[in-house]
């Protein structure tokens, strides 16, 4: 198991419907293009401005082979 959440049959059906909907495809394409047009500085600024919105607690991983 890879730790991913299993999708319900309804979620799978909704994803298939989204995949066949031309208007939804346009929305997803526009969102992807919009997200890729920013610079690295804009991305870092976005992360910096929103850091307080999330609680970040690093997890401890004990490994036997000293790899992450």
N, C-alpha and C. Protein backbone atom coordinates (compact mmCIF):
# COMPACT_ATOMS: atom_id res chain seq x y z
N UNK A 1 0.84 -1.18 0.00
CA UNK A 1 0.00 0.00 0.00
C UNK A 1 0.89 1.24 0.00
N UNK A 2 0.53 2.23 -0.79
CA UNK A 2 1.36 3.42 -0.93
C UNK A 2 0.91 4.59 -0.05
N UNK A 3 -0.09 4.43 0.75
CA UNK A 3 -0.54 5.49 1.64
C UNK A 3 -1.58 6.41 1.02
N UNK A 4 -1.92 6.20 -0.24
CA UNK A 4 -2.93 7.03 -0.89
C UNK A 4 -4.32 6.62 -0.43
N UNK A 5 -5.21 7.60 -0.43
CA UNK A 5 -6.59 7.34 -0.06
C UNK A 5 -7.30 6.65 -1.22
N UNK A 6 -8.10 5.65 -0.89
CA UNK A 6 -8.87 4.97 -1.92
C UNK A 6 -10.09 5.82 -2.26
N UNK A 7 -10.38 5.92 -3.55
CA UNK A 7 -11.54 6.68 -3.99
C UNK A 7 -12.78 5.80 -3.97
N UNK A 8 -13.89 6.42 -3.60
CA UNK A 8 -15.16 5.69 -3.63
C UNK A 8 -15.62 5.57 -5.08
N UNK A 9 -16.58 4.71 -5.33
CA UNK A 9 -17.11 4.56 -6.68
C UNK A 9 -17.72 5.87 -7.18
N UNK A 10 -18.36 6.61 -6.29
CA UNK A 10 -18.96 7.89 -6.67
C UNK A 10 -17.87 8.90 -7.08
N UNK A 11 -16.77 8.94 -6.32
CA UNK A 11 -15.67 9.85 -6.65
C UNK A 11 -15.05 9.48 -8.00
N UNK A 12 -14.90 8.19 -8.25
CA UNK A 12 -14.36 7.74 -9.54
C UNK A 12 -15.28 8.16 -10.69
N UNK A 13 -16.59 7.99 -10.47
CA UNK A 13 -17.57 8.36 -11.50
C UNK A 13 -17.52 9.87 -11.77
N UNK A 14 -17.42 10.66 -10.70
CA UNK A 14 -17.35 12.12 -10.85
C UNK A 14 -16.09 12.53 -11.61
N UNK A 15 -14.97 11.85 -11.34
CA UNK A 15 -13.73 12.16 -12.05
C UNK A 15 -13.85 11.84 -13.53
N UNK A 16 -14.51 10.73 -13.85
CA UNK A 16 -14.71 10.37 -15.25
C UNK A 16 -15.60 11.40 -15.96
N UNK A 17 -16.65 11.85 -15.26
CA UNK A 17 -17.54 12.86 -15.83
C UNK A 17 -16.77 14.15 -16.08
N UNK A 18 -15.92 14.55 -15.13
CA UNK A 18 -15.10 15.75 -15.30
C UNK A 18 -14.16 15.61 -16.50
N UNK A 19 -13.62 14.41 -16.68
CA UNK A 19 -12.68 14.17 -17.76
C UNK A 19 -13.34 14.32 -19.13
N UNK A 20 -14.63 14.04 -19.21
CA UNK A 20 -15.34 14.12 -20.49
C UNK A 20 -16.04 15.45 -20.70
N UNK A 21 -16.04 16.33 -19.70
CA UNK A 21 -16.72 17.62 -19.79
C UNK A 21 -15.76 18.66 -20.38
N UNK A 22 -16.09 19.18 -21.55
CA UNK A 22 -15.22 20.12 -22.26
C UNK A 22 -15.05 21.41 -21.46
N UNK A 23 -16.09 21.91 -20.84
CA UNK A 23 -16.00 23.15 -20.06
C UNK A 23 -15.09 22.98 -18.85
N UNK A 24 -15.20 21.85 -18.19
CA UNK A 24 -14.32 21.59 -17.03
C UNK A 24 -12.86 21.49 -17.49
N UNK A 25 -12.65 20.89 -18.65
CA UNK A 25 -11.29 20.79 -19.19
C UNK A 25 -10.70 22.18 -19.40
N UNK A 26 -11.52 23.10 -19.92
CA UNK A 26 -11.06 24.48 -20.13
C UNK A 26 -10.68 25.13 -18.80
N UNK A 27 -11.48 24.89 -17.76
CA UNK A 27 -11.20 25.47 -16.45
C UNK A 27 -9.90 24.91 -15.88
N UNK A 28 -9.71 23.60 -15.96
CA UNK A 28 -8.48 22.99 -15.45
C UNK A 28 -7.26 23.46 -16.26
N UNK A 29 -7.40 23.59 -17.57
CA UNK A 29 -6.30 24.06 -18.40
C UNK A 29 -5.93 25.50 -18.04
N UNK A 30 -6.94 26.34 -17.84
CA UNK A 30 -6.68 27.74 -17.47
C UNK A 30 -5.99 27.82 -16.11
N UNK A 31 -6.40 26.98 -15.17
CA UNK A 31 -5.78 26.96 -13.84
C UNK A 31 -4.33 26.51 -13.94
N UNK A 32 -4.06 25.51 -14.77
CA UNK A 32 -2.69 25.02 -14.93
C UNK A 32 -1.81 26.09 -15.56
N UNK A 33 -2.30 26.73 -16.61
CA UNK A 33 -1.52 27.78 -17.27
C UNK A 33 -1.27 28.93 -16.31
N UNK A 34 -2.29 29.31 -15.56
CA UNK A 34 -2.16 30.40 -14.59
C UNK A 34 -1.12 30.07 -13.52
N UNK A 35 -1.12 28.84 -13.07
CA UNK A 35 -0.19 28.44 -12.01
C UNK A 35 1.25 28.35 -12.51
N UNK A 36 1.43 28.18 -13.81
CA UNK A 36 2.77 28.02 -14.35
C UNK A 36 3.38 29.33 -14.87
N UNK A 37 2.62 30.42 -14.85
CA UNK A 37 3.13 31.67 -15.40
C UNK A 37 3.89 32.50 -14.38
N UNK A 38 3.78 32.19 -13.11
CA UNK A 38 4.46 32.97 -12.09
C UNK A 38 5.94 32.66 -12.03
N UNK A 39 6.68 33.56 -11.39
CA UNK A 39 8.11 33.37 -11.23
C UNK A 39 8.39 32.65 -9.91
N UNK A 40 9.61 32.25 -9.72
CA UNK A 40 10.01 31.60 -8.47
C UNK A 40 9.83 32.58 -7.31
N UNK A 41 10.16 33.84 -7.53
CA UNK A 41 9.99 34.84 -6.48
C UNK A 41 8.53 34.99 -6.07
N UNK A 42 7.62 34.96 -7.04
CA UNK A 42 6.19 35.06 -6.74
C UNK A 42 5.74 33.85 -5.92
N UNK A 43 6.26 32.68 -6.27
CA UNK A 43 5.90 31.46 -5.54
C UNK A 43 6.41 31.51 -4.10
N UNK A 44 7.64 31.96 -3.91
CA UNK A 44 8.20 32.07 -2.56
C UNK A 44 7.42 33.11 -1.76
N UNK A 45 7.05 34.22 -2.39
CA UNK A 45 6.23 35.23 -1.70
C UNK A 45 4.89 34.65 -1.29
N UNK A 46 4.26 33.87 -2.17
CA UNK A 46 2.98 33.23 -1.85
C UNK A 46 3.13 32.32 -0.64
N UNK A 47 4.16 31.50 -0.64
CA UNK A 47 4.39 30.60 0.49
C UNK A 47 4.64 31.38 1.77
N UNK A 48 5.44 32.43 1.69
CA UNK A 48 5.77 33.23 2.87
C UNK A 48 4.54 33.90 3.45
N UNK A 49 3.67 34.40 2.60
CA UNK A 49 2.47 35.10 3.05
C UNK A 49 1.46 34.16 3.69
N UNK A 50 1.51 32.88 3.37
CA UNK A 50 0.49 31.94 3.83
C UNK A 50 1.00 30.93 4.84
N UNK A 51 2.23 31.07 5.30
CA UNK A 51 2.80 30.09 6.23
C UNK A 51 2.01 30.00 7.52
N UNK A 52 1.48 31.11 8.02
CA UNK A 52 0.77 31.09 9.30
C UNK A 52 -0.57 30.37 9.22
N UNK A 53 -1.04 30.08 8.03
CA UNK A 53 -2.33 29.40 7.87
C UNK A 53 -2.23 27.90 8.12
N UNK A 54 -1.01 27.37 8.15
CA UNK A 54 -0.83 25.93 8.28
C UNK A 54 0.03 25.58 9.48
N UNK A 55 -0.38 24.53 10.17
CA UNK A 55 0.44 24.00 11.25
C UNK A 55 1.37 22.95 10.65
N UNK A 56 2.65 23.20 10.73
CA UNK A 56 3.61 22.26 10.17
C UNK A 56 4.39 21.62 11.30
N UNK A 57 4.26 20.31 11.40
CA UNK A 57 5.01 19.55 12.39
C UNK A 57 5.76 18.45 11.64
N UNK A 58 7.07 18.54 11.58
CA UNK A 58 7.81 17.52 10.85
C UNK A 58 7.69 16.15 11.52
N UNK A 59 7.68 15.13 10.71
CA UNK A 59 7.59 13.78 11.25
C UNK A 59 8.99 13.22 11.45
N UNK A 60 9.12 12.40 12.45
CA UNK A 60 10.39 11.74 12.72
C UNK A 60 10.40 10.40 12.00
N UNK A 61 11.41 10.20 11.20
CA UNK A 61 11.53 8.92 10.47
C UNK A 61 12.83 8.26 10.88
N UNK A 62 12.71 7.15 11.54
CA UNK A 62 13.88 6.37 11.92
C UNK A 62 14.16 5.37 10.82
N UNK A 63 15.35 5.45 10.26
CA UNK A 63 15.70 4.52 9.18
C UNK A 63 16.94 3.74 9.59
N UNK A 64 17.02 2.55 9.07
CA UNK A 64 18.16 1.70 9.38
C UNK A 64 19.29 1.89 8.38
N UNK A 65 18.96 2.43 7.18
CA UNK A 65 19.98 2.56 6.15
C UNK A 65 20.43 4.00 5.96
N UNK A 66 20.06 4.90 6.85
CA UNK A 66 20.48 6.29 6.85
C UNK A 66 20.07 7.05 5.59
N UNK A 67 18.98 6.65 4.98
CA UNK A 67 18.43 7.36 3.84
C UNK A 67 17.12 8.01 4.28
N UNK A 68 16.77 9.11 3.63
CA UNK A 68 15.52 9.80 3.98
C UNK A 68 14.32 9.08 3.45
